[in-house]
PDB file of all heavy atoms in Angstrom:
ATOM      1  N   GLY A   1     -68.559-142.094-137.603  1.00  0.00           N
ATOM      2  CA  GLY A   1     -67.791-141.670-136.439  1.00  0.00           C
ATOM      3  C   GLY A   1     -68.321-142.281-135.156  1.00  0.00           C
ATOM      4  O   GLY A   1     -67.558-142.723-134.297  1.00  0.00           O
ATOM      5  N   LEU A   2     -69.649-142.321-135.011  1.00  0.00           N
ATOM      6  CA  LEU A   2     -70.258-142.923-133.827  1.00  0.00           C
ATOM      7  C   LEU A   2     -69.964-144.419-133.756  1.00  0.00           C
ATOM      8  O   LEU A   2     -69.617-144.946-132.697  1.00  0.00           O
ATOM      9  CB  LEU A   2     -71.769-142.696-133.854  1.00  0.00           C
ATOM     10  CG  LEU A   2     -72.254-141.256-133.630  1.00  0.00           C
ATOM     11  CD1 LEU A   2     -73.754-141.169-133.889  1.00  0.00           C
ATOM     12  CD2 LEU A   2     -71.927-140.793-132.221  1.00  0.00           C
ATOM     13  N   ALA A   3     -70.105-145.117-134.891  1.00  0.00           N
ATOM     14  CA  ALA A   3     -69.867-146.566-134.919  1.00  0.00           C
ATOM     15  C   ALA A   3     -68.408-146.898-134.617  1.00  0.00           C
ATOM     16  O   ALA A   3     -68.111-147.855-133.894  1.00  0.00           O
ATOM     17  CB  ALA A   3     -70.264-147.129-136.286  1.00  0.00           C
ATOM     18  N   LEU A   4     -67.496-146.099-135.150  1.00  0.00           N
ATOM     19  CA  LEU A   4     -66.070-146.357-134.955  1.00  0.00           C
ATOM     20  C   LEU A   4     -65.663-146.178-133.499  1.00  0.00           C
ATOM     21  O   LEU A   4     -64.749-146.865-133.012  1.00  0.00           O
ATOM     22  CB  LEU A   4     -65.251-145.417-135.844  1.00  0.00           C
ATOM     23  CG  LEU A   4     -63.725-145.561-135.778  1.00  0.00           C
ATOM     24  CD1 LEU A   4     -63.297-146.949-136.271  1.00  0.00           C
ATOM     25  CD2 LEU A   4     -63.051-144.470-136.603  1.00  0.00           C
ATOM     26  N   SER A   5     -66.344-145.281-132.789  1.00  0.00           N
ATOM     27  CA  SER A   5     -65.965-145.011-131.403  1.00  0.00           C
ATOM     28  C   SER A   5     -66.268-146.191-130.478  1.00  0.00           C
ATOM     29  O   SER A   5     -65.636-146.330-129.427  1.00  0.00           O
ATOM     30  CB  SER A   5     -66.679-143.753-130.897  1.00  0.00           C
ATOM     31  OG  SER A   5     -68.069-143.949-130.828  1.00  0.00           O
ATOM     32  N   ILE A   6     -67.222-147.059-130.863  1.00  0.00           N
ATOM     33  CA  ILE A   6     -67.609-148.179-129.992  1.00  0.00           C
ATOM     34  C   ILE A   6     -66.439-149.138-129.738  1.00  0.00           C
ATOM     35  O   ILE A   6     -66.070-149.371-128.578  1.00  0.00           O
ATOM     36  CB  ILE A   6     -68.819-148.944-130.568  1.00  0.00           C
ATOM     37  CG1 ILE A   6     -70.031-148.025-130.665  1.00  0.00           C
ATOM     38  CG2 ILE A   6     -69.151-150.153-129.683  1.00  0.00           C
ATOM     39  CD1 ILE A   6     -71.232-148.653-131.353  1.00  0.00           C
ATOM     40  N   PRO A   7     -65.826-149.735-130.788  1.00  0.00           N
ATOM     41  CA  PRO A   7     -64.721-150.651-130.507  1.00  0.00           C
ATOM     42  C   PRO A   7     -63.500-149.971-129.898  1.00  0.00           C
ATOM     43  O   PRO A   7     -62.792-150.574-129.078  1.00  0.00           O
ATOM     44  CB  PRO A   7     -64.381-151.233-131.900  1.00  0.00           C
ATOM     45  CG  PRO A   7     -64.913-150.241-132.870  1.00  0.00           C
ATOM     46  CD  PRO A   7     -66.122-149.667-132.225  1.00  0.00           C
ATOM     47  N   ILE A   8     -63.260-148.707-130.259  1.00  0.00           N
ATOM     48  CA  ILE A   8     -62.111-147.993-129.696  1.00  0.00           C
ATOM     49  C   ILE A   8     -62.268-147.851-128.189  1.00  0.00           C
ATOM     50  O   ILE A   8     -61.348-148.142-127.408  1.00  0.00           O
ATOM     51  CB  ILE A   8     -61.950-146.604-130.347  1.00  0.00           C
ATOM     52  CG1 ILE A   8     -61.555-146.745-131.815  1.00  0.00           C
ATOM     53  CG2 ILE A   8     -60.888-145.777-129.604  1.00  0.00           C
ATOM     54  CD1 ILE A   8     -61.508-145.429-132.569  1.00  0.00           C
ATOM     55  N   ILE A   9     -63.460-147.424-127.755  1.00  0.00           N
ATOM     56  CA  ILE A   9     -63.695-147.214-126.328  1.00  0.00           C
ATOM     57  C   ILE A   9     -63.694-148.536-125.566  1.00  0.00           C
ATOM     58  O   ILE A   9     -63.057-148.672-124.524  1.00  0.00           O
ATOM     59  CB  ILE A   9     -65.025-146.464-126.098  1.00  0.00           C
ATOM     60  CG1 ILE A   9     -64.933-145.039-126.651  1.00  0.00           C
ATOM     61  CG2 ILE A   9     -65.370-146.419-124.608  1.00  0.00           C
ATOM     62  CD1 ILE A   9     -66.251-144.280-126.603  1.00  0.00           C
ATOM     63  N   MET A  10     -64.395-149.564-126.089  1.00  0.00           N
ATOM     64  CA  MET A  10     -64.496-150.839-125.375  1.00  0.00           C
ATOM     65  C   MET A  10     -63.153-151.549-125.284  1.00  0.00           C
ATOM     66  O   MET A  10     -62.740-151.998-124.220  1.00  0.00           O
ATOM     67  CB  MET A  10     -65.546-151.729-126.043  1.00  0.00           C
ATOM     68  CG  MET A  10     -66.964-151.205-125.892  1.00  0.00           C
ATOM     69  SD  MET A  10     -68.223-152.388-126.418  1.00  0.00           S
ATOM     70  CE  MET A  10     -68.028-153.667-125.188  1.00  0.00           C
ATOM     71  N   TRP A  11     -62.457-151.646-126.399  1.00  0.00           N
ATOM     72  CA  TRP A  11     -61.160-152.326-126.400  1.00  0.00           C
ATOM     73  C   TRP A  11     -60.151-151.532-125.585  1.00  0.00           C
ATOM     74  O   TRP A  11     -59.397-152.090-124.778  1.00  0.00           O
ATOM     75  CB  TRP A  11     -60.660-152.490-127.841  1.00  0.00           C
ATOM     76  CG  TRP A  11     -59.327-153.179-127.917  1.00  0.00           C
ATOM     77  CD1 TRP A  11     -59.074-154.514-127.855  1.00  0.00           C
ATOM     78  CD2 TRP A  11     -58.045-152.540-128.048  1.00  0.00           C
ATOM     79  NE1 TRP A  11     -57.728-154.758-127.955  1.00  0.00           N
ATOM     80  CE2 TRP A  11     -57.075-153.566-128.066  1.00  0.00           C
ATOM     81  CE3 TRP A  11     -57.639-151.213-128.161  1.00  0.00           C
ATOM     82  CZ2 TRP A  11     -55.709-153.292-128.192  1.00  0.00           C
ATOM     83  CZ3 TRP A  11     -56.287-150.938-128.275  1.00  0.00           C
ATOM     84  CH2 TRP A  11     -55.335-151.970-128.294  1.00  0.00           C
ATOM     85  N   GLY A  12     -60.145-150.222-125.770  1.00  0.00           N
ATOM     86  CA  GLY A  12     -59.197-149.383-125.050  1.00  0.00           C
ATOM     87  C   GLY A  12     -59.432-149.400-123.556  1.00  0.00           C
ATOM     88  O   GLY A  12     -58.485-149.459-122.763  1.00  0.00           O
ATOM     89  N   SER A  13     -60.700-149.359-123.126  1.00  0.00           N
ATOM     90  CA  SER A  13     -61.025-149.369-121.699  1.00  0.00           C
ATOM     91  C   SER A  13     -60.542-150.657-121.040  1.00  0.00           C
ATOM     92  O   SER A  13     -59.960-150.635-119.945  1.00  0.00           O
ATOM     93  CB  SER A  13     -62.540-149.242-121.495  1.00  0.00           C
ATOM     94  OG  SER A  13     -63.029-148.072-122.083  1.00  0.00           O
ATOM     95  N   ASN A  14     -60.797-151.785-121.691  1.00  0.00           N
ATOM     96  CA  ASN A  14     -60.400-153.076-121.145  1.00  0.00           C
ATOM     97  C   ASN A  14     -58.878-153.181-121.038  1.00  0.00           C
ATOM     98  O   ASN A  14     -58.336-153.647-120.032  1.00  0.00           O
ATOM     99  CB  ASN A  14     -60.949-154.196-122.032  1.00  0.00           C
ATOM    100  CG  ASN A  14     -60.854-155.553-121.359  1.00  0.00           C
ATOM    101  OD1 ASN A  14     -61.232-155.712-120.201  1.00  0.00           O
ATOM    102  ND2 ASN A  14     -60.329-156.526-122.066  1.00  0.00           N
ATOM    103  N   LEU A  15     -58.183-152.717-122.088  1.00  0.00           N
ATOM    104  CA  LEU A  15     -56.713-152.757-122.082  1.00  0.00           C
ATOM    105  C   LEU A  15     -56.158-151.889-120.956  1.00  0.00           C
ATOM    106  O   LEU A  15     -55.254-152.313-120.210  1.00  0.00           O
ATOM    107  CB  LEU A  15     -56.184-152.272-123.435  1.00  0.00           C
ATOM    108  CG  LEU A  15     -54.657-152.118-123.545  1.00  0.00           C
ATOM    109  CD1 LEU A  15     -53.971-153.463-123.361  1.00  0.00           C
ATOM    110  CD2 LEU A  15     -54.276-151.497-124.880  1.00  0.00           C
ATOM    111  N   ILE A  16     -56.687-150.687-120.801  1.00  0.00           N
ATOM    112  CA  ILE A  16     -56.191-149.763-119.773  1.00  0.00           C
ATOM    113  C   ILE A  16     -56.471-150.297-118.375  1.00  0.00           C
ATOM    114  O   ILE A  16     -55.626-150.208-117.480  1.00  0.00           O
ATOM    115  CB  ILE A  16     -56.815-148.368-119.975  1.00  0.00           C
ATOM    116  CG1 ILE A  16     -56.228-147.733-121.237  1.00  0.00           C
ATOM    117  CG2 ILE A  16     -56.571-147.471-118.758  1.00  0.00           C
ATOM    118  CD1 ILE A  16     -56.979-146.537-121.755  1.00  0.00           C
ATOM    119  N   ALA A  17     -57.659-150.881-118.165  1.00  0.00           N
ATOM    120  CA  ALA A  17     -57.992-151.455-116.857  1.00  0.00           C
ATOM    121  C   ALA A  17     -56.997-152.560-116.490  1.00  0.00           C
ATOM    122  O   ALA A  17     -56.554-152.652-115.334  1.00  0.00           O
ATOM    123  CB  ALA A  17     -59.416-151.998-116.865  1.00  0.00           C
ATOM    124  N   ARG A  18     -56.640-153.394-117.462  1.00  0.00           N
ATOM    125  CA  ARG A  18     -55.681-154.480-117.201  1.00  0.00           C
ATOM    126  C   ARG A  18     -54.277-153.937-116.932  1.00  0.00           C
ATOM    127  O   ARG A  18     -53.547-154.451-116.074  1.00  0.00           O
ATOM    128  CB  ARG A  18     -55.665-155.454-118.383  1.00  0.00           C
ATOM    129  CG  ARG A  18     -56.971-156.236-118.524  1.00  0.00           C
ATOM    130  CD  ARG A  18     -56.926-157.243-119.660  1.00  0.00           C
ATOM    131  NE  ARG A  18     -58.203-157.909-119.818  1.00  0.00           N
ATOM    132  CZ  ARG A  18     -58.632-158.914-119.062  1.00  0.00           C
ATOM    133  NH1 ARG A  18     -57.866-159.367-118.094  1.00  0.00           N
ATOM    134  NH2 ARG A  18     -59.810-159.464-119.274  1.00  0.00           N
ATOM    135  N   LEU A  19     -53.899-152.899-117.665  1.00  0.00           N
ATOM    136  CA  LEU A  19     -52.590-152.277-117.445  1.00  0.00           C
ATOM    137  C   LEU A  19     -52.501-151.663-116.049  1.00  0.00           C
ATOM    138  O   LEU A  19     -51.467-151.752-115.375  1.00  0.00           O
ATOM    139  CB  LEU A  19     -52.319-151.210-118.508  1.00  0.00           C
ATOM    140  CG  LEU A  19     -51.911-151.706-119.896  1.00  0.00           C
ATOM    141  CD1 LEU A  19     -51.825-150.540-120.874  1.00  0.00           C
ATOM    142  CD2 LEU A  19     -50.563-152.435-119.835  1.00  0.00           C
ATOM    143  N   LEU A  20     -53.597-151.037-115.602  1.00  0.00           N
ATOM    144  CA  LEU A  20     -53.604-150.423-114.276  1.00  0.00           C
ATOM    145  C   LEU A  20     -53.500-151.477-113.177  1.00  0.00           C
ATOM    146  O   LEU A  20     -52.950-151.200-112.100  1.00  0.00           O
ATOM    147  CB  LEU A  20     -54.876-149.590-114.092  1.00  0.00           C
ATOM    148  CG  LEU A  20     -54.947-148.293-114.905  1.00  0.00           C
ATOM    149  CD1 LEU A  20     -56.332-147.655-114.773  1.00  0.00           C
ATOM    150  CD2 LEU A  20     -53.877-147.308-114.464  1.00  0.00           C
ATOM    151  N   ASP A  21     -54.029-152.678-113.424  1.00  0.00           N
ATOM    152  CA  ASP A  21     -53.883-153.770-112.462  1.00  0.00           C
ATOM    153  C   ASP A  21     -52.414-154.150-112.287  1.00  0.00           C
ATOM    154  O   ASP A  21     -51.945-154.407-111.179  1.00  0.00           O
ATOM    155  CB  ASP A  21     -54.663-155.007-112.935  1.00  0.00           C
ATOM    156  CG  ASP A  21     -56.168-154.842-112.752  1.00  0.00           C
ATOM    157  OD1 ASP A  21     -56.572-153.958-111.970  1.00  0.00           O
ATOM    158  OD2 ASP A  21     -56.927-155.592-113.384  1.00  0.00           O
ATOM    159  N   ARG A  22     -51.685-154.175-113.406  1.00  0.00           N
ATOM    160  CA  ARG A  22     -50.283-154.606-113.383  1.00  0.00           C
ATOM    161  C   ARG A  22     -49.333-153.463-113.029  1.00  0.00           C
ATOM    162  O   ARG A  22     -48.295-153.690-112.403  1.00  0.00           O
ATOM    163  CB  ARG A  22     -49.896-155.179-114.754  1.00  0.00           C
ATOM    164  CG  ARG A  22     -50.685-156.416-115.140  1.00  0.00           C
ATOM    165  CD  ARG A  22     -50.220-156.968-116.466  1.00  0.00           C
ATOM    166  NE  ARG A  22     -50.996-158.124-116.868  1.00  0.00           N
ATOM    167  CZ  ARG A  22     -50.775-158.827-117.974  1.00  0.00           C
ATOM    168  NH1 ARG A  22     -49.784-158.484-118.789  1.00  0.00           N
ATOM    169  NH2 ARG A  22     -51.536-159.871-118.270  1.00  0.00           N
ATOM    170  N   LEU A  23     -49.666-152.258-113.454  1.00  0.00           N
ATOM    171  CA  LEU A  23     -48.789-151.105-113.243  1.00  0.00           C
ATOM    172  C   LEU A  23     -49.605-149.980-112.594  1.00  0.00           C
ATOM    173  O   LEU A  23     -50.024-149.036-113.266  1.00  0.00           O
ATOM    174  CB  LEU A  23     -48.205-150.630-114.575  1.00  0.00           C
ATOM    175  CG  LEU A  23     -47.441-151.685-115.401  1.00  0.00           C
ATOM    176  CD1 LEU A  23     -47.158-151.172-116.799  1.00  0.00           C
ATOM    177  CD2 LEU A  23     -46.138-152.067-114.691  1.00  0.00           C
ATOM    178  N   PRO A  24     -49.821-150.047-111.282  1.00  0.00           N
ATOM    179  CA  PRO A  24     -50.694-149.065-110.606  1.00  0.00           C
ATOM    180  C   PRO A  24     -50.252-147.612-110.780  1.00  0.00           C
ATOM    181  O   PRO A  24     -51.087-146.704-110.746  1.00  0.00           O
ATOM    182  CB  PRO A  24     -50.609-149.496-109.131  1.00  0.00           C
ATOM    183  CG  PRO A  24     -50.222-150.935-109.178  1.00  0.00           C
ATOM    184  CD  PRO A  24     -49.327-151.076-110.371  1.00  0.00           C
ATOM    185  N   TRP A  25     -48.942-147.379-110.973  1.00  0.00           N
ATOM    186  CA  TRP A  25     -48.463-146.003-111.120  1.00  0.00           C
ATOM    187  C   TRP A  25     -49.022-145.326-112.379  1.00  0.00           C
ATOM    188  O   TRP A  25     -49.026-144.091-112.486  1.00  0.00           O
ATOM    189  CB  TRP A  25     -46.936-145.962-111.148  1.00  0.00           C
ATOM    190  CG  TRP A  25     -46.307-146.799-112.225  1.00  0.00           C
ATOM    191  CD1 TRP A  25     -45.893-148.091-112.113  1.00  0.00           C
ATOM    192  CD2 TRP A  25     -46.050-146.406-113.576  1.00  0.00           C
ATOM    193  NE1 TRP A  25     -45.386-148.542-113.309  1.00  0.00           N
ATOM    194  CE2 TRP A  25     -45.456-147.523-114.228  1.00  0.00           C
ATOM    195  CE3 TRP A  25     -46.231-145.237-114.308  1.00  0.00           C
ATOM    196  CZ2 TRP A  25     -45.072-147.497-115.566  1.00  0.00           C
ATOM    197  CZ3 TRP A  25     -45.844-145.198-115.632  1.00  0.00           C
ATOM    198  CH2 TRP A  25     -45.277-146.313-116.253  1.00  0.00           C
ATOM    199  N   LEU A  26     -49.531-146.135-113.327  1.00  0.00           N
ATOM    200  CA  LEU A  26     -50.099-145.552-114.546  1.00  0.00           C
ATOM    201  C   LEU A  26     -51.360-144.740-114.264  1.00  0.00           C
ATOM    202  O   LEU A  26     -51.812-143.981-115.126  1.00  0.00           O
ATOM    203  CB  LEU A  26     -50.424-146.663-115.561  1.00  0.00           C
ATOM    204  CG  LEU A  26     -49.238-147.259-116.323  1.00  0.00           C
ATOM    205  CD1 LEU A  26     -49.709-148.389-117.232  1.00  0.00           C
ATOM    206  CD2 LEU A  26     -48.533-146.192-117.154  1.00  0.00           C
ATOM    207  N   VAL A  27     -51.925-144.888-113.051  1.00  0.00           N
ATOM    208  CA  VAL A  27     -53.101-144.104-112.701  1.00  0.00           C
ATOM    209  C   VAL A  27     -52.765-142.613-112.739  1.00  0.00           C
ATOM    210  O   VAL A  27     -53.611-141.770-113.074  1.00  0.00           O
ATOM    211  CB  VAL A  27     -53.664-144.514-111.324  1.00  0.00           C
ATOM    212  CG1 VAL A  27     -52.769-144.060-110.195  1.00  0.00           C
ATOM    213  CG2 VAL A  27     -55.073-143.968-111.126  1.00  0.00           C
ATOM    214  N   TYR A  28     -51.509-142.278-112.437  1.00  0.00           N
ATOM    215  CA  TYR A  28     -51.093-140.869-112.499  1.00  0.00           C
ATOM    216  C   TYR A  28     -51.026-140.386-113.949  1.00  0.00           C
ATOM    217  O   TYR A  28     -51.340-139.229-114.238  1.00  0.00           O
ATOM    218  CB  TYR A  28     -49.731-140.692-111.819  1.00  0.00           C
ATOM    219  CG  TYR A  28     -49.811-140.802-110.313  1.00  0.00           C
ATOM    220  CD1 TYR A  28     -49.495-141.998-109.661  1.00  0.00           C
ATOM    221  CD2 TYR A  28     -50.214-139.721-109.539  1.00  0.00           C
ATOM    222  CE1 TYR A  28     -49.591-142.104-108.278  1.00  0.00           C
ATOM    223  CE2 TYR A  28     -50.303-139.811-108.159  1.00  0.00           C
ATOM    224  CZ  TYR A  28     -49.989-141.009-107.536  1.00  0.00           C
ATOM    225  OH  TYR A  28     -50.091-141.109-106.171  1.00  0.00           O
ATOM    226  N   VAL A  29     -50.603-141.278-114.843  1.00  0.00           N
ATOM    227  CA  VAL A  29     -50.581-140.929-116.270  1.00  0.00           C
ATOM    228  C   VAL A  29     -52.015-140.693-116.753  1.00  0.00           C
ATOM    229  O   VAL A  29     -52.300-139.718-117.461  1.00  0.00           O
ATOM    230  CB  VAL A  29     -49.910-142.041-117.097  1.00  0.00           C
ATOM    231  CG1 VAL A  29     -49.944-141.696-118.588  1.00  0.00           C
ATOM    232  CG2 VAL A  29     -48.466-142.250-116.644  1.00  0.00           C
ATOM    233  N   GLY A  30     -52.922-141.596-116.355  1.00  0.00           N
ATOM    234  CA  GLY A  30     -54.326-141.452-116.740  1.00  0.00           C
ATOM    235  C   GLY A  30     -54.923-140.159-116.207  1.00  0.00           C
ATOM    236  O   GLY A  30     -55.644-139.446-116.908  1.00  0.00           O
ATOM    237  N   ALA A  31     -54.611-139.835-114.937  1.00  0.00           N
ATOM    238  CA  ALA A  31     -55.121-138.596-114.339  1.00  0.00           C
ATOM    239  C   ALA A  31     -54.581-137.381-115.086  1.00  0.00           C
ATOM    240  O   ALA A  31     -55.303-136.400-115.292  1.00  0.00           O
ATOM    241  CB  ALA A  31     -54.734-138.531-112.858  1.00  0.00           C
ATOM    242  N   ALA A  32     -53.304-137.443-115.491  1.00  0.00           N
ATOM    243  CA  ALA A  32     -52.712-136.332-116.245  1.00  0.00           C
ATOM    244  C   ALA A  32     -53.403-136.161-117.594  1.00  0.00           C
ATOM    245  O   ALA A  32     -53.661-135.032-118.038  1.00  0.00           O
ATOM    246  CB  ALA A  32     -51.214-136.577-116.443  1.00  0.00           C
ATOM    247  N   ILE A  33     -53.724-137.274-118.259  1.00  0.00           N
ATOM    248  CA  ILE A  33     -54.425-137.211-119.552  1.00  0.00           C
ATOM    249  C   ILE A  33     -55.795-136.566-119.385  1.00  0.00           C
ATOM    250  O   ILE A  33     -56.196-135.703-120.171  1.00  0.00           O
ATOM    251  CB  ILE A  33     -54.558-138.625-120.157  1.00  0.00           C
ATOM    252  CG1 ILE A  33     -53.185-139.142-120.593  1.00  0.00           C
ATOM    253  CG2 ILE A  33     -55.526-138.612-121.354  1.00  0.00           C
ATOM    254  CD1 ILE A  33     -53.173-140.602-121.024  1.00  0.00           C
ATOM    255  N   LEU A  34     -56.516-136.971-118.330  1.00  0.00           N
ATOM    256  CA  LEU A  34     -57.837-136.393-118.089  1.00  0.00           C
ATOM    257  C   LEU A  34     -57.728-134.914-117.711  1.00  0.00           C
ATOM    258  O   LEU A  34     -58.562-134.092-118.111  1.00  0.00           O
ATOM    259  CB  LEU A  34     -58.567-137.167-116.991  1.00  0.00           C
ATOM    260  CG  LEU A  34     -58.880-138.630-117.301  1.00  0.00           C
ATOM    261  CD1 LEU A  34     -59.646-139.265-116.144  1.00  0.00           C
ATOM    262  CD2 LEU A  34     -59.687-138.762-118.586  1.00  0.00           C
ATOM    263  N   GLY A  35     -56.691-134.570-116.935  1.00  0.00           N
ATOM    264  CA  GLY A  35     -56.467-133.170-116.583  1.00  0.00           C
ATOM    265  C   GLY A  35     -56.161-132.327-117.810  1.00  0.00           C
ATOM    266  O   GLY A  35     -56.669-131.209-117.957  1.00  0.00           O
ATOM    267  N   PHE A  36     -55.343-132.877-118.707  1.00  0.00           N
ATOM    268  CA  PHE A  36     -55.015-132.181-119.957  1.00  0.00           C
ATOM    269  C   PHE A  36     -56.273-131.985-120.805  1.00  0.00           C
ATOM    270  O   PHE A  36     -56.496-130.916-121.375  1.00  0.00           O
ATOM    271  CB  PHE A  36     -53.970-132.988-120.733  1.00  0.00           C
ATOM    272  CG  PHE A  36     -53.420-132.274-121.935  1.00  0.00           C
ATOM    273  CD1 PHE A  36     -52.329-131.430-121.822  1.00  0.00           C
ATOM    274  CD2 PHE A  36     -53.998-132.440-123.190  1.00  0.00           C
ATOM    275  CE1 PHE A  36     -51.817-130.755-122.938  1.00  0.00           C
ATOM    276  CE2 PHE A  36     -53.510-131.776-124.309  1.00  0.00           C
ATOM    277  CZ  PHE A  36     -52.408-130.934-124.173  1.00  0.00           C
ATOM    278  N   THR A  37     -57.105-133.028-120.868  1.00  0.00           N
ATOM    279  CA  THR A  37     -58.354-132.947-121.634  1.00  0.00           C
ATOM    280  C   THR A  37     -59.285-131.890-121.045  1.00  0.00           C
ATOM    281  O   THR A  37     -59.925-131.130-121.781  1.00  0.00           O
ATOM    282  CB  THR A  37     -59.069-134.304-121.655  1.00  0.00           C
ATOM    283  OG1 THR A  37     -58.184-135.299-122.194  1.00  0.00           O
ATOM    284  CG2 THR A  37     -60.331-134.255-122.511  1.00  0.00           C
ATOM    285  N   GLY A  38     -59.360-131.829-119.706  1.00  0.00           N
ATOM    286  CA  GLY A  38     -60.165-130.804-119.054  1.00  0.00           C
ATOM    287  C   GLY A  38     -59.668-129.413-119.404  1.00  0.00           C
ATOM    288  O   GLY A  38     -60.466-128.499-119.680  1.00  0.00           O
TER     289      GLY A  38
END
């Protein structure tokens, strides 16, 4: 489980950062996801 989380987090973080560059409104989606997780 620990090993599997490494590529998921690294690849996912990079993809999301690039998406936010192109589609800034997605920051609200990200904030909603973090709020839901909280």
